[in-house]
Amino acid sequence: MAYVLYFLAGLVLANGFPHFVKGILGQRHHTPLRREGGALLNVVWGTANLFVAGWLWLYASLMPQALGYALVAFFLGILVAGVTLAKRFEQDRREHPTTGVTW
């Protein structure tokens, strides 16, 4: 069970970073609450994700398990979320090219 929690912590952590970073940069980004949430909403959503990831990590660390496997599960969660989000956002940019980041 601990490995599942580490995996979920990795998923939630990887999902929280884009929201938090886009928010503190003042940019709009997709959220579950809106198609394109504003900067403040993304900071709040990203912080909530980071909090949940930390809570999952701490809760899982109270259970007996091998640390090496725990780290593998954690980083596997990050990888799965990263690949899934990359594919999703790449598809969104192809469908809506004008909503991309402008420099």
N, C-alpha and C. Protein backbone atom coordinates (compact mmCIF):
# COMPACT_ATOMS: atom_id res chain seq x y z
N MET A 1 0.82 -1.21 0.00
CA MET A 1 0.00 0.00 0.00
C MET A 1 0.85 1.26 0.00
N ALA A 2 1.98 1.21 0.69
CA ALA A 2 2.84 2.39 0.75
C ALA A 2 3.35 2.76 -0.63
N TYR A 3 3.65 1.76 -1.46
CA TYR A 3 4.17 2.06 -2.79
C TYR A 3 3.11 2.74 -3.65
N VAL A 4 1.87 2.37 -3.48
CA VAL A 4 0.77 3.03 -4.20
C VAL A 4 0.69 4.49 -3.76
N LEU A 5 0.84 4.74 -2.47
CA LEU A 5 0.79 6.13 -1.98
C LEU A 5 1.97 6.94 -2.50
N TYR A 6 3.15 6.33 -2.57
CA TYR A 6 4.30 7.03 -3.14
C TYR A 6 4.07 7.34 -4.62
N PHE A 7 3.50 6.38 -5.34
CA PHE A 7 3.19 6.59 -6.75
C PHE A 7 2.20 7.75 -6.91
N LEU A 8 1.14 7.75 -6.11
CA LEU A 8 0.15 8.83 -6.16
C LEU A 8 0.77 10.17 -5.78
N ALA A 9 1.68 10.16 -4.81
CA ALA A 9 2.37 11.40 -4.43
C ALA A 9 3.16 11.95 -5.62
N GLY A 10 3.81 11.07 -6.37
CA GLY A 10 4.53 11.50 -7.57
C GLY A 10 3.60 12.06 -8.61
N LEU A 11 2.46 11.42 -8.83
CA LEU A 11 1.47 11.92 -9.80
C LEU A 11 1.00 13.32 -9.42
N VAL A 12 0.60 13.48 -8.18
CA VAL A 12 0.04 14.75 -7.72
C VAL A 12 1.12 15.84 -7.73
N LEU A 13 2.34 15.50 -7.33
CA LEU A 13 3.43 16.47 -7.34
C LEU A 13 3.70 16.97 -8.76
N ALA A 14 3.80 16.03 -9.70
CA ALA A 14 4.07 16.42 -11.09
C ALA A 14 2.94 17.26 -11.67
N ASN A 15 1.71 17.01 -11.25
CA ASN A 15 0.59 17.81 -11.71
C ASN A 15 0.58 19.20 -11.08
N GLY A 16 1.06 19.31 -9.86
CA GLY A 16 1.02 20.60 -9.17
C GLY A 16 2.04 21.61 -9.68
N PHE A 17 3.19 21.14 -10.12
CA PHE A 17 4.23 22.07 -10.56
C PHE A 17 3.82 22.98 -11.71
N PRO A 18 3.24 22.47 -12.82
CA PRO A 18 2.87 23.39 -13.90
C PRO A 18 1.87 24.46 -13.45
N HIS A 19 0.92 24.07 -12.62
CA HIS A 19 -0.08 25.04 -12.16
C HIS A 19 0.59 26.13 -11.31
N PHE A 20 1.43 25.71 -10.38
CA PHE A 20 2.08 26.67 -9.50
C PHE A 20 3.00 27.60 -10.28
N VAL A 21 3.81 27.04 -11.16
CA VAL A 21 4.76 27.86 -11.93
C VAL A 21 4.04 28.81 -12.86
N LYS A 22 3.05 28.33 -13.60
CA LYS A 22 2.29 29.22 -14.48
C LYS A 22 1.62 30.32 -13.66
N GLY A 23 1.10 29.96 -12.51
CA GLY A 23 0.44 30.96 -11.67
C GLY A 23 1.38 32.03 -11.18
N ILE A 24 2.56 31.66 -10.69
CA ILE A 24 3.47 32.68 -10.17
C ILE A 24 4.09 33.50 -11.30
N LEU A 25 4.03 32.99 -12.53
CA LEU A 25 4.49 33.76 -13.69
C LEU A 25 3.38 34.65 -14.24
N GLY A 26 2.19 34.54 -13.64
CA GLY A 26 1.07 35.38 -14.06
C GLY A 26 0.39 34.90 -15.33
N GLN A 27 0.57 33.63 -15.66
CA GLN A 27 0.00 33.10 -16.90
C GLN A 27 -1.23 32.24 -16.60
N ARG A 28 -2.09 32.15 -17.61
CA ARG A 28 -3.28 31.31 -17.51
C ARG A 28 -2.89 29.86 -17.82
N HIS A 29 -3.64 28.92 -17.23
CA HIS A 29 -3.35 27.50 -17.44
C HIS A 29 -4.60 26.71 -17.14
N HIS A 30 -4.75 25.54 -17.78
CA HIS A 30 -5.92 24.68 -17.55
C HIS A 30 -6.00 24.25 -16.09
N THR A 31 -7.19 24.25 -15.56
CA THR A 31 -7.45 23.67 -14.25
C THR A 31 -8.71 22.82 -14.36
N PRO A 32 -8.92 21.92 -13.41
CA PRO A 32 -10.17 21.15 -13.45
C PRO A 32 -11.40 22.03 -13.25
N LEU A 33 -11.21 23.21 -12.70
CA LEU A 33 -12.34 24.09 -12.41
C LEU A 33 -12.74 24.95 -13.60
N ARG A 34 -11.78 25.26 -14.48
CA ARG A 34 -12.05 26.11 -15.63
C ARG A 34 -11.18 25.66 -16.79
N ARG A 35 -11.63 25.97 -18.01
CA ARG A 35 -10.84 25.63 -19.20
C ARG A 35 -9.47 26.29 -19.12
N GLU A 36 -9.43 27.56 -18.83
CA GLU A 36 -8.16 28.26 -18.62
C GLU A 36 -8.31 29.12 -17.39
N GLY A 37 -7.78 28.65 -16.29
CA GLY A 37 -7.86 29.38 -15.03
C GLY A 37 -6.84 30.50 -14.98
N GLY A 38 -7.15 31.53 -14.23
CA GLY A 38 -6.24 32.66 -14.06
C GLY A 38 -5.05 32.31 -13.17
N ALA A 39 -4.16 33.26 -13.03
CA ALA A 39 -2.91 33.06 -12.29
C ALA A 39 -3.19 32.71 -10.83
N LEU A 40 -4.07 33.44 -10.18
CA LEU A 40 -4.35 33.19 -8.77
C LEU A 40 -4.94 31.80 -8.55
N LEU A 41 -5.88 31.41 -9.40
CA LEU A 41 -6.48 30.07 -9.30
C LEU A 41 -5.41 28.99 -9.46
N ASN A 42 -4.47 29.21 -10.37
CA ASN A 42 -3.42 28.21 -10.59
C ASN A 42 -2.44 28.14 -9.43
N VAL A 43 -2.14 29.26 -8.80
CA VAL A 43 -1.28 29.22 -7.62
C VAL A 43 -1.96 28.43 -6.51
N VAL A 44 -3.23 28.68 -6.30
CA VAL A 44 -3.98 27.97 -5.26
C VAL A 44 -4.08 26.49 -5.60
N TRP A 45 -4.42 26.17 -6.84
CA TRP A 45 -4.55 24.77 -7.25
C TRP A 45 -3.20 24.05 -7.16
N GLY A 46 -2.14 24.70 -7.63
CA GLY A 46 -0.81 24.10 -7.56
C GLY A 46 -0.37 23.87 -6.13
N THR A 47 -0.62 24.84 -5.25
CA THR A 47 -0.26 24.69 -3.84
C THR A 47 -1.04 23.55 -3.20
N ALA A 48 -2.31 23.43 -3.53
CA ALA A 48 -3.12 22.33 -3.00
C ALA A 48 -2.56 20.98 -3.46
N ASN A 49 -2.15 20.89 -4.72
CA ASN A 49 -1.55 19.65 -5.22
C ASN A 49 -0.25 19.34 -4.49
N LEU A 50 0.59 20.35 -4.28
CA LEU A 50 1.86 20.14 -3.60
C LEU A 50 1.63 19.71 -2.14
N PHE A 51 0.62 20.29 -1.50
CA PHE A 51 0.27 19.90 -0.13
C PHE A 51 -0.16 18.44 -0.08
N VAL A 52 -1.05 18.05 -0.99
CA VAL A 52 -1.54 16.66 -1.01
C VAL A 52 -0.38 15.71 -1.29
N ALA A 53 0.51 16.05 -2.21
CA ALA A 53 1.67 15.20 -2.50
C ALA A 53 2.54 15.04 -1.25
N GLY A 54 2.77 16.12 -0.54
CA GLY A 54 3.56 16.04 0.69
C GLY A 54 2.87 15.21 1.75
N TRP A 55 1.57 15.35 1.88
CA TRP A 55 0.82 14.57 2.85
C TRP A 55 0.88 13.09 2.51
N LEU A 56 0.70 12.75 1.22
CA LEU A 56 0.78 11.35 0.80
C LEU A 56 2.17 10.77 1.09
N TRP A 57 3.20 11.57 0.82
CA TRP A 57 4.57 11.11 1.07
C TRP A 57 4.79 10.84 2.56
N LEU A 58 4.36 11.78 3.39
CA LEU A 58 4.54 11.59 4.84
C LEU A 58 3.73 10.41 5.36
N TYR A 59 2.51 10.27 4.91
CA TYR A 59 1.67 9.16 5.35
C TYR A 59 2.28 7.82 4.93
N ALA A 60 2.76 7.76 3.69
CA ALA A 60 3.37 6.52 3.21
C ALA A 60 4.66 6.21 3.95
N SER A 61 5.37 7.25 4.37
CA SER A 61 6.65 7.02 5.05
C SER A 61 6.46 6.42 6.45
N LEU A 62 5.25 6.46 6.98
CA LEU A 62 4.96 5.85 8.27
C LEU A 62 4.78 4.33 8.16
N MET A 63 4.65 3.85 6.93
CA MET A 63 4.46 2.41 6.71
C MET A 63 5.81 1.75 6.43
N PRO A 64 5.97 0.52 6.85
CA PRO A 64 7.24 -0.17 6.57
C PRO A 64 7.35 -0.54 5.09
N GLN A 65 8.47 -0.19 4.48
CA GLN A 65 8.74 -0.54 3.09
C GLN A 65 10.22 -0.31 2.81
N ALA A 66 10.68 -0.80 1.68
CA ALA A 66 12.07 -0.59 1.27
C ALA A 66 12.15 0.78 0.59
N LEU A 67 13.07 1.62 1.04
CA LEU A 67 13.16 2.98 0.52
C LEU A 67 13.46 3.01 -0.97
N GLY A 68 14.29 2.10 -1.44
CA GLY A 68 14.62 2.07 -2.87
C GLY A 68 13.39 1.88 -3.73
N TYR A 69 12.54 0.93 -3.35
CA TYR A 69 11.31 0.71 -4.10
C TYR A 69 10.35 1.88 -3.96
N ALA A 70 10.36 2.52 -2.80
CA ALA A 70 9.50 3.69 -2.60
C ALA A 70 9.90 4.81 -3.55
N LEU A 71 11.19 5.03 -3.70
CA LEU A 71 11.66 6.08 -4.62
C LEU A 71 11.33 5.72 -6.07
N VAL A 72 11.45 4.45 -6.41
CA VAL A 72 11.08 4.02 -7.76
C VAL A 72 9.60 4.30 -8.01
N ALA A 73 8.75 3.95 -7.06
CA ALA A 73 7.32 4.19 -7.21
C ALA A 73 7.03 5.69 -7.32
N PHE A 74 7.70 6.50 -6.51
CA PHE A 74 7.50 7.95 -6.53
C PHE A 74 7.89 8.54 -7.88
N PHE A 75 9.06 8.19 -8.37
CA PHE A 75 9.51 8.76 -9.64
C PHE A 75 8.77 8.16 -10.83
N LEU A 76 8.27 6.94 -10.70
CA LEU A 76 7.42 6.38 -11.74
C LEU A 76 6.12 7.18 -11.83
N GLY A 77 5.59 7.58 -10.69
CA GLY A 77 4.39 8.44 -10.69
C GLY A 77 4.66 9.77 -11.36
N ILE A 78 5.83 10.35 -11.09
CA ILE A 78 6.20 11.61 -11.74
C ILE A 78 6.31 11.41 -13.25
N LEU A 79 6.94 10.33 -13.67
CA LEU A 79 7.10 10.04 -15.10
C LEU A 79 5.76 9.85 -15.79
N VAL A 80 4.88 9.06 -15.20
CA VAL A 80 3.57 8.81 -15.80
C VAL A 80 2.79 10.12 -15.93
N ALA A 81 2.77 10.92 -14.89
CA ALA A 81 2.06 12.20 -14.94
C ALA A 81 2.71 13.12 -15.97
N GLY A 82 4.03 13.17 -16.00
CA GLY A 82 4.73 14.04 -16.94
C GLY A 82 4.43 13.70 -18.38
N VAL A 83 4.49 12.42 -18.71
CA VAL A 83 4.22 12.00 -20.09
C VAL A 83 2.75 12.27 -20.45
N THR A 84 1.85 11.96 -19.54
CA THR A 84 0.42 12.19 -19.79
C THR A 84 0.13 13.67 -19.99
N LEU A 85 0.66 14.51 -19.12
CA LEU A 85 0.43 15.96 -19.23
C LEU A 85 1.08 16.53 -20.49
N ALA A 86 2.27 16.05 -20.84
CA ALA A 86 2.94 16.54 -22.04
C ALA A 86 2.11 16.24 -23.29
N LYS A 87 1.60 15.02 -23.38
CA LYS A 87 0.76 14.65 -24.52
C LYS A 87 -0.51 15.49 -24.56
N ARG A 88 -1.11 15.68 -23.40
CA ARG A 88 -2.37 16.46 -23.34
C ARG A 88 -2.14 17.91 -23.75
N PHE A 89 -1.11 18.55 -23.22
CA PHE A 89 -0.87 19.95 -23.54
C PHE A 89 -0.38 20.14 -24.96
N GLU A 90 0.35 19.16 -25.49
CA GLU A 90 0.78 19.23 -26.89
C GLU A 90 -0.43 19.16 -27.80
N GLN A 91 -1.38 18.30 -27.47
CA GLN A 91 -2.61 18.19 -28.25
C GLN A 91 -3.41 19.49 -28.18
N ASP A 92 -3.50 20.08 -26.98
CA ASP A 92 -4.22 21.34 -26.83
C ASP A 92 -3.58 22.45 -27.65
N ARG A 93 -2.26 22.49 -27.69
CA ARG A 93 -1.58 23.53 -28.47
C ARG A 93 -1.81 23.34 -29.96
N ARG A 94 -1.92 22.09 -30.42
CA ARG A 94 -2.20 21.85 -31.83
C ARG A 94 -3.63 22.29 -32.17
N GLU A 95 -4.55 22.05 -31.24
CA GLU A 95 -5.95 22.41 -31.48
C GLU A 95 -6.20 23.91 -31.31
N HIS A 96 -5.45 24.55 -30.41
CA HIS A 96 -5.62 25.98 -30.12
C HIS A 96 -4.26 26.66 -30.12
N PRO A 97 -3.66 26.88 -31.30
CA PRO A 97 -2.29 27.39 -31.35
C PRO A 97 -2.13 28.81 -30.81
N THR A 98 -3.18 29.59 -30.75
CA THR A 98 -3.04 30.98 -30.28
C THR A 98 -3.02 31.09 -28.77
N THR A 99 -3.29 30.01 -28.03
CA THR A 99 -3.30 30.09 -26.57
C THR A 99 -1.95 29.73 -25.97
N GLY A 100 -0.94 29.52 -26.82
CA GLY A 100 0.38 29.18 -26.32
C GLY A 100 1.05 30.35 -25.64
N VAL A 101 2.17 30.09 -25.03
CA VAL A 101 2.93 31.12 -24.33
C VAL A 101 3.59 32.03 -25.35
N THR A 102 3.46 33.31 -25.17
CA THR A 102 4.13 34.27 -26.04
C THR A 102 5.29 34.90 -25.28
N TRP A 103 6.40 35.03 -25.93
CA TRP A 103 7.59 35.58 -25.28
C TRP A 103 7.81 37.00 -25.67
